[in-house]
Amino acid sequence: FFTSTLNLACVVFSALMLWKGIMLYTGSESPIVVVLSGSMEPGFHRGDILFLTLKTQDPFEPGDVSVFSIDGRDIPIVHRIVNVHEEESGRVRILTKGDNNMVDDRGLYNYGQLFIERKNIMGRAQG
């Protein structure tokens, strides 16, 4: 019994260490995500797996596929950056849109919010 428990603990701790290592390497708290909707078709389909990075020195650019979260909501969104506003203060405001959507994401953001900010971005899709 003790050997089985020890083996299970080793497997669990190894998986956790691997996950933490991937997080450190990519700079993203969620380095792997699954596409949950058809809003990015035909490029990404429901169920596709995306690998994310979030390097602080890399600027966000229109065309980047990003994964972001909205304050107060649990489910991340995978959409393309369509506009970036960089202010002299260093603040970055970002507008996103699903490739398969007719309009930008302002309707998804919180009431009165016109852009998301760097803090909302969980990562940029790589591939």
N, C-alpha and C. Protein backbone atom coordinates (compact mmCIF):
# COMPACT_ATOMS: atom_id res chain seq x y z
N PHE A 1 0.83 -1.20 0.00
CA PHE A 1 0.00 0.00 0.00
C PHE A 1 0.87 1.26 0.00
N PHE A 2 1.90 1.28 0.84
CA PHE A 2 2.78 2.45 0.93
C PHE A 2 3.48 2.72 -0.40
N THR A 3 3.93 1.67 -1.07
CA THR A 3 4.62 1.83 -2.36
C THR A 3 3.68 2.40 -3.41
N SER A 4 2.45 1.94 -3.45
CA SER A 4 1.47 2.45 -4.42
C SER A 4 1.18 3.92 -4.17
N THR A 5 1.02 4.28 -2.91
CA THR A 5 0.76 5.68 -2.56
C THR A 5 1.95 6.56 -2.93
N LEU A 6 3.14 6.07 -2.67
CA LEU A 6 4.35 6.82 -3.01
C LEU A 6 4.49 6.99 -4.52
N ASN A 7 4.19 5.93 -5.28
CA ASN A 7 4.24 6.03 -6.74
C ASN A 7 3.23 7.03 -7.27
N LEU A 8 2.01 7.01 -6.73
CA LEU A 8 0.99 7.96 -7.14
C LEU A 8 1.42 9.38 -6.81
N ALA A 9 1.96 9.59 -5.63
CA ALA A 9 2.44 10.93 -5.24
C ALA A 9 3.54 11.40 -6.18
N CYS A 10 4.44 10.52 -6.57
CA CYS A 10 5.52 10.89 -7.50
C CYS A 10 4.97 11.31 -8.85
N VAL A 11 3.96 10.59 -9.34
CA VAL A 11 3.34 10.93 -10.63
C VAL A 11 2.66 12.29 -10.54
N VAL A 12 1.90 12.52 -9.48
CA VAL A 12 1.19 13.79 -9.31
C VAL A 12 2.18 14.95 -9.19
N PHE A 13 3.20 14.79 -8.37
CA PHE A 13 4.19 15.87 -8.20
C PHE A 13 4.98 16.10 -9.48
N SER A 14 5.26 15.06 -10.24
CA SER A 14 5.96 15.22 -11.52
C SER A 14 5.11 16.01 -12.50
N ALA A 15 3.81 15.70 -12.55
CA ALA A 15 2.90 16.43 -13.44
C ALA A 15 2.81 17.90 -13.03
N LEU A 16 2.73 18.16 -11.73
CA LEU A 16 2.68 19.55 -11.25
C LEU A 16 3.96 20.31 -11.58
N MET A 17 5.09 19.67 -11.42
CA MET A 17 6.37 20.31 -11.72
C MET A 17 6.49 20.58 -13.22
N LEU A 18 6.03 19.66 -14.04
CA LEU A 18 6.05 19.86 -15.49
C LEU A 18 5.17 21.04 -15.87
N TRP A 19 3.96 21.10 -15.28
CA TRP A 19 3.04 22.21 -15.56
C TRP A 19 3.66 23.55 -15.14
N LYS A 20 4.23 23.60 -13.95
CA LYS A 20 4.87 24.83 -13.47
C LYS A 20 6.04 25.22 -14.37
N GLY A 21 6.79 24.23 -14.84
CA GLY A 21 7.91 24.50 -15.75
C GLY A 21 7.43 25.10 -17.06
N ILE A 22 6.33 24.56 -17.59
CA ILE A 22 5.75 25.11 -18.83
C ILE A 22 5.27 26.53 -18.59
N MET A 23 4.65 26.78 -17.42
CA MET A 23 4.19 28.13 -17.09
C MET A 23 5.35 29.11 -17.06
N LEU A 24 6.45 28.73 -16.43
CA LEU A 24 7.62 29.61 -16.36
C LEU A 24 8.21 29.86 -17.74
N TYR A 25 8.30 28.82 -18.55
CA TYR A 25 8.89 28.94 -19.88
C TYR A 25 8.06 29.85 -20.79
N THR A 26 6.73 29.70 -20.74
CA THR A 26 5.85 30.47 -21.63
C THR A 26 5.49 31.84 -21.07
N GLY A 27 5.60 32.01 -19.75
CA GLY A 27 5.20 33.27 -19.14
C GLY A 27 3.70 33.40 -18.95
N SER A 28 2.95 32.35 -19.23
CA SER A 28 1.49 32.38 -19.15
C SER A 28 1.00 31.50 -18.02
N GLU A 29 -0.01 31.98 -17.29
CA GLU A 29 -0.60 31.18 -16.22
C GLU A 29 -1.40 30.01 -16.77
N SER A 30 -1.87 30.14 -18.00
CA SER A 30 -2.61 29.06 -18.66
C SER A 30 -1.96 28.81 -20.02
N PRO A 31 -0.88 28.05 -20.06
CA PRO A 31 -0.15 27.88 -21.32
C PRO A 31 -0.86 27.02 -22.36
N ILE A 32 -1.89 26.29 -21.95
CA ILE A 32 -2.64 25.45 -22.88
C ILE A 32 -4.13 25.71 -22.66
N VAL A 33 -4.84 26.05 -23.75
CA VAL A 33 -6.29 26.29 -23.66
C VAL A 33 -6.99 25.57 -24.80
N VAL A 34 -8.28 25.37 -24.64
CA VAL A 34 -9.11 24.73 -25.65
C VAL A 34 -10.09 25.77 -26.18
N VAL A 35 -10.26 25.82 -27.50
CA VAL A 35 -11.23 26.72 -28.12
C VAL A 35 -12.63 26.19 -27.81
N LEU A 36 -13.49 27.06 -27.26
CA LEU A 36 -14.80 26.63 -26.79
C LEU A 36 -15.96 27.00 -27.71
N SER A 37 -15.72 27.88 -28.69
CA SER A 37 -16.83 28.30 -29.56
C SER A 37 -16.36 28.35 -31.01
N GLY A 38 -17.28 28.65 -31.89
CA GLY A 38 -16.97 28.75 -33.31
C GLY A 38 -16.66 30.16 -33.77
N SER A 39 -16.40 31.07 -32.84
CA SER A 39 -16.20 32.47 -33.22
C SER A 39 -14.89 32.73 -33.97
N MET A 40 -13.96 31.77 -33.96
CA MET A 40 -12.69 31.95 -34.67
C MET A 40 -12.59 31.07 -35.92
N GLU A 41 -13.70 30.46 -36.33
CA GLU A 41 -13.68 29.66 -37.55
C GLU A 41 -13.50 30.56 -38.75
N PRO A 42 -12.85 30.16 -39.81
CA PRO A 42 -12.39 28.81 -40.10
C PRO A 42 -10.98 28.50 -39.57
N GLY A 43 -10.30 29.47 -38.98
CA GLY A 43 -8.93 29.25 -38.52
C GLY A 43 -8.83 28.29 -37.35
N PHE A 44 -9.70 28.45 -36.37
CA PHE A 44 -9.72 27.59 -35.19
C PHE A 44 -11.13 27.08 -34.99
N HIS A 45 -11.25 25.81 -34.70
CA HIS A 45 -12.56 25.18 -34.51
C HIS A 45 -12.75 24.80 -33.05
N ARG A 46 -14.00 24.60 -32.68
CA ARG A 46 -14.34 24.15 -31.33
C ARG A 46 -13.55 22.88 -31.01
N GLY A 47 -12.87 22.87 -29.87
CA GLY A 47 -12.09 21.71 -29.46
C GLY A 47 -10.62 21.79 -29.81
N ASP A 48 -10.22 22.75 -30.65
CA ASP A 48 -8.79 22.91 -30.96
C ASP A 48 -8.02 23.29 -29.71
N ILE A 49 -6.79 22.81 -29.61
CA ILE A 49 -5.93 23.12 -28.47
C ILE A 49 -4.91 24.16 -28.90
N LEU A 50 -4.77 25.22 -28.11
CA LEU A 50 -3.82 26.29 -28.41
C LEU A 50 -2.75 26.34 -27.34
N PHE A 51 -1.52 26.58 -27.77
CA PHE A 51 -0.40 26.78 -26.86
C PHE A 51 -0.13 28.27 -26.79
N LEU A 52 -0.02 28.81 -25.58
CA LEU A 52 0.10 30.25 -25.38
C LEU A 52 1.45 30.63 -24.82
N THR A 53 1.89 31.84 -25.18
CA THR A 53 3.03 32.47 -24.53
C THR A 53 2.62 33.88 -24.15
N LEU A 54 3.30 34.42 -23.17
CA LEU A 54 3.04 35.80 -22.76
C LEU A 54 4.36 36.41 -22.29
N LYS A 55 5.13 36.86 -23.25
CA LYS A 55 6.41 37.50 -22.95
C LYS A 55 6.14 39.00 -22.79
N THR A 56 6.55 39.55 -21.67
CA THR A 56 6.23 40.95 -21.37
C THR A 56 6.89 41.92 -22.34
N GLN A 57 8.03 41.56 -22.92
CA GLN A 57 8.72 42.49 -23.79
C GLN A 57 8.12 42.52 -25.21
N ASP A 58 7.32 41.53 -25.58
CA ASP A 58 6.74 41.49 -26.91
C ASP A 58 5.50 42.39 -26.97
N PRO A 59 5.47 43.35 -27.90
CA PRO A 59 4.29 44.20 -28.02
C PRO A 59 3.12 43.44 -28.64
N PHE A 60 1.92 43.84 -28.30
CA PHE A 60 0.73 43.27 -28.93
C PHE A 60 0.53 43.98 -30.26
N GLU A 61 0.13 43.23 -31.28
CA GLU A 61 -0.05 43.80 -32.61
C GLU A 61 -1.37 43.32 -33.19
N PRO A 62 -2.00 44.16 -34.03
CA PRO A 62 -3.19 43.69 -34.73
C PRO A 62 -2.85 42.43 -35.53
N GLY A 63 -3.74 41.46 -35.46
CA GLY A 63 -3.51 40.18 -36.13
C GLY A 63 -3.12 39.07 -35.17
N ASP A 64 -2.59 39.43 -33.99
CA ASP A 64 -2.24 38.41 -33.00
C ASP A 64 -3.51 37.74 -32.49
N VAL A 65 -3.48 36.42 -32.37
CA VAL A 65 -4.58 35.69 -31.74
C VAL A 65 -4.27 35.63 -30.26
N SER A 66 -5.16 36.20 -29.46
CA SER A 66 -4.91 36.27 -28.02
C SER A 66 -6.02 35.56 -27.26
N VAL A 67 -5.67 35.17 -26.05
CA VAL A 67 -6.65 34.61 -25.12
C VAL A 67 -6.74 35.60 -23.96
N PHE A 68 -7.95 36.04 -23.66
CA PHE A 68 -8.11 37.04 -22.60
C PHE A 68 -9.29 36.68 -21.72
N SER A 69 -9.29 37.29 -20.55
CA SER A 69 -10.41 37.10 -19.63
C SER A 69 -10.99 38.46 -19.32
N ILE A 70 -12.27 38.46 -19.06
CA ILE A 70 -12.98 39.68 -18.70
C ILE A 70 -13.17 39.65 -17.19
N ASP A 71 -12.91 40.77 -16.55
CA ASP A 71 -13.05 40.84 -15.09
C ASP A 71 -14.44 40.37 -14.67
N GLY A 72 -14.47 39.46 -13.71
CA GLY A 72 -15.73 38.94 -13.20
C GLY A 72 -16.27 37.74 -13.94
N ARG A 73 -15.57 37.29 -14.98
CA ARG A 73 -16.02 36.11 -15.75
C ARG A 73 -14.93 35.06 -15.73
N ASP A 74 -15.35 33.80 -15.68
CA ASP A 74 -14.39 32.70 -15.52
C ASP A 74 -13.86 32.13 -16.83
N ILE A 75 -14.62 32.22 -17.90
CA ILE A 75 -14.24 31.53 -19.14
C ILE A 75 -13.41 32.46 -20.03
N PRO A 76 -12.20 32.02 -20.39
CA PRO A 76 -11.36 32.84 -21.28
C PRO A 76 -11.91 32.85 -22.70
N ILE A 77 -11.56 33.89 -23.44
CA ILE A 77 -12.03 34.08 -24.82
C ILE A 77 -10.83 34.08 -25.75
N VAL A 78 -10.95 33.35 -26.86
CA VAL A 78 -9.90 33.30 -27.89
C VAL A 78 -10.38 34.15 -29.06
N HIS A 79 -9.75 35.31 -29.26
CA HIS A 79 -10.09 36.19 -30.38
C HIS A 79 -8.85 36.90 -30.89
N ARG A 80 -8.99 37.51 -32.06
CA ARG A 80 -7.87 38.20 -32.71
C ARG A 80 -7.84 39.68 -32.29
N ILE A 81 -6.65 40.20 -32.09
CA ILE A 81 -6.48 41.62 -31.80
C ILE A 81 -6.66 42.40 -33.11
N VAL A 82 -7.56 43.38 -33.10
CA VAL A 82 -7.80 44.18 -34.31
C VAL A 82 -7.28 45.60 -34.18
N ASN A 83 -7.06 46.06 -32.94
CA ASN A 83 -6.58 47.43 -32.76
C ASN A 83 -5.83 47.53 -31.43
N VAL A 84 -4.73 48.27 -31.45
CA VAL A 84 -3.92 48.47 -30.24
C VAL A 84 -3.65 49.96 -30.09
N HIS A 85 -3.94 50.50 -28.93
CA HIS A 85 -3.65 51.90 -28.61
C HIS A 85 -2.61 51.93 -27.49
N GLU A 86 -1.43 52.44 -27.79
CA GLU A 86 -0.40 52.57 -26.77
C GLU A 86 -0.28 54.04 -26.39
N GLU A 87 -0.48 54.32 -25.12
CA GLU A 87 -0.40 55.69 -24.64
C GLU A 87 1.03 56.00 -24.19
N GLU A 88 1.36 57.27 -24.12
CA GLU A 88 2.70 57.68 -23.69
C GLU A 88 3.01 57.19 -22.28
N SER A 89 1.99 57.02 -21.48
CA SER A 89 2.17 56.56 -20.10
C SER A 89 2.56 55.08 -20.05
N GLY A 90 2.45 54.38 -21.18
CA GLY A 90 2.76 52.96 -21.22
C GLY A 90 1.52 52.08 -21.17
N ARG A 91 0.37 52.69 -20.91
CA ARG A 91 -0.89 51.94 -20.87
C ARG A 91 -1.22 51.45 -22.28
N VAL A 92 -1.63 50.20 -22.36
CA VAL A 92 -1.99 49.60 -23.65
C VAL A 92 -3.47 49.22 -23.61
N ARG A 93 -4.22 49.71 -24.60
CA ARG A 93 -5.64 49.37 -24.71
C ARG A 93 -5.82 48.58 -26.00
N ILE A 94 -6.55 47.48 -25.90
CA ILE A 94 -6.63 46.51 -26.99
C ILE A 94 -8.10 46.24 -27.34
N LEU A 95 -8.38 46.19 -28.64
CA LEU A 95 -9.71 45.83 -29.14
C LEU A 95 -9.59 44.48 -29.85
N THR A 96 -10.51 43.58 -29.58
CA THR A 96 -10.47 42.23 -30.15
C THR A 96 -11.75 41.93 -30.92
N LYS A 97 -11.68 40.86 -31.73
CA LYS A 97 -12.84 40.44 -32.51
C LYS A 97 -12.65 38.99 -32.92
N GLY A 98 -13.71 38.22 -32.88
CA GLY A 98 -13.67 36.85 -33.40
C GLY A 98 -13.67 36.88 -34.92
N ASP A 99 -12.88 36.04 -35.55
CA ASP A 99 -12.80 36.02 -37.02
C ASP A 99 -14.16 35.75 -37.67
N ASN A 100 -15.00 34.99 -37.01
CA ASN A 100 -16.29 34.60 -37.56
C ASN A 100 -17.42 35.52 -37.08
N ASN A 101 -17.08 36.60 -36.39
CA ASN A 101 -18.08 37.55 -35.88
C ASN A 101 -18.15 38.77 -36.79
N MET A 102 -19.33 39.36 -36.88
CA MET A 102 -19.53 40.54 -37.72
C MET A 102 -19.02 41.82 -37.05
N VAL A 103 -19.04 41.87 -35.73
CA VAL A 103 -18.66 43.09 -35.01
C VAL A 103 -17.55 42.79 -34.01
N ASP A 104 -16.91 43.85 -33.52
CA ASP A 104 -15.84 43.67 -32.53
C ASP A 104 -16.43 43.23 -31.19
N ASP A 105 -15.56 43.05 -30.21
CA ASP A 105 -15.95 42.44 -28.93
C ASP A 105 -16.46 43.41 -27.88
N ARG A 106 -16.69 44.65 -28.22
CA ARG A 106 -17.13 45.61 -27.20
C ARG A 106 -18.41 45.14 -26.50
N GLY A 107 -19.23 44.39 -27.18
CA GLY A 107 -20.45 43.84 -26.57
C GLY A 107 -20.16 42.74 -25.55
N LEU A 108 -18.97 42.14 -25.63
CA LEU A 108 -18.58 41.11 -24.66
C LEU A 108 -17.94 41.70 -23.42
N TYR A 109 -17.33 42.87 -23.58
CA TYR A 109 -16.63 43.49 -22.45
C TYR A 109 -17.65 43.94 -21.41
N ASN A 110 -17.19 44.27 -20.24
CA ASN A 110 -18.07 44.77 -19.19
C ASN A 110 -18.72 46.08 -19.61
N TYR A 111 -19.86 46.40 -19.00
CA TYR A 111 -20.61 47.60 -19.34
C TYR A 111 -19.72 48.84 -19.28
N GLY A 112 -19.72 49.62 -20.36
CA GLY A 112 -18.94 50.85 -20.41
C GLY A 112 -17.49 50.65 -20.78
N GLN A 113 -17.05 49.42 -20.90
CA GLN A 113 -15.65 49.13 -21.24
C GLN A 113 -15.52 49.07 -22.76
N LEU A 114 -14.60 49.87 -23.31
CA LEU A 114 -14.41 49.90 -24.76
C LEU A 114 -13.23 49.08 -25.22
N PHE A 115 -12.29 48.81 -24.32
CA PHE A 115 -11.08 48.06 -24.66
C PHE A 115 -10.74 47.14 -23.49
N ILE A 116 -9.88 46.14 -23.78
CA ILE A 116 -9.28 45.38 -22.70
C ILE A 116 -7.86 45.90 -22.53
N GLU A 117 -7.22 45.53 -21.44
CA GLU A 117 -5.86 45.99 -21.17
C GLU A 117 -4.92 44.80 -21.07
N ARG A 118 -3.64 45.09 -20.99
CA ARG A 118 -2.61 44.04 -20.91
C ARG A 118 -2.92 43.05 -19.79
N LYS A 119 -3.44 43.53 -18.67
CA LYS A 119 -3.72 42.66 -17.52
C LYS A 119 -4.78 41.61 -17.84
N ASN A 120 -5.62 41.86 -18.84
CA ASN A 120 -6.66 40.91 -19.22
C ASN A 120 -6.14 39.79 -20.12
N ILE A 121 -5.01 40.01 -20.77
CA ILE A 121 -4.46 39.04 -21.72
C ILE A 121 -3.80 37.89 -20.97
N MET A 122 -4.21 36.67 -21.27
CA MET A 122 -3.64 35.47 -20.65
C MET A 122 -2.50 34.91 -21.49
N GLY A 123 -2.50 35.22 -22.77
CA GLY A 123 -1.44 34.73 -23.64
C GLY A 123 -1.77 34.95 -25.10
N ARG A 124 -0.77 34.68 -25.91
CA ARG A 124 -0.87 34.82 -27.36
C ARG A 124 -0.68 33.42 -27.96
N ALA A 125 -1.57 33.04 -28.89
CA ALA A 125 -1.48 31.71 -29.49
C ALA A 125 -0.23 31.59 -30.34
N GLN A 126 0.43 30.45 -30.23
CA GLN A 126 1.64 30.17 -31.00
C GLN A 126 1.34 29.02 -31.96
N GLY A 127 2.02 29.05 -33.10
CA GLY A 127 1.82 27.91 -33.98
C GLY A 127 2.12 28.15 -35.38
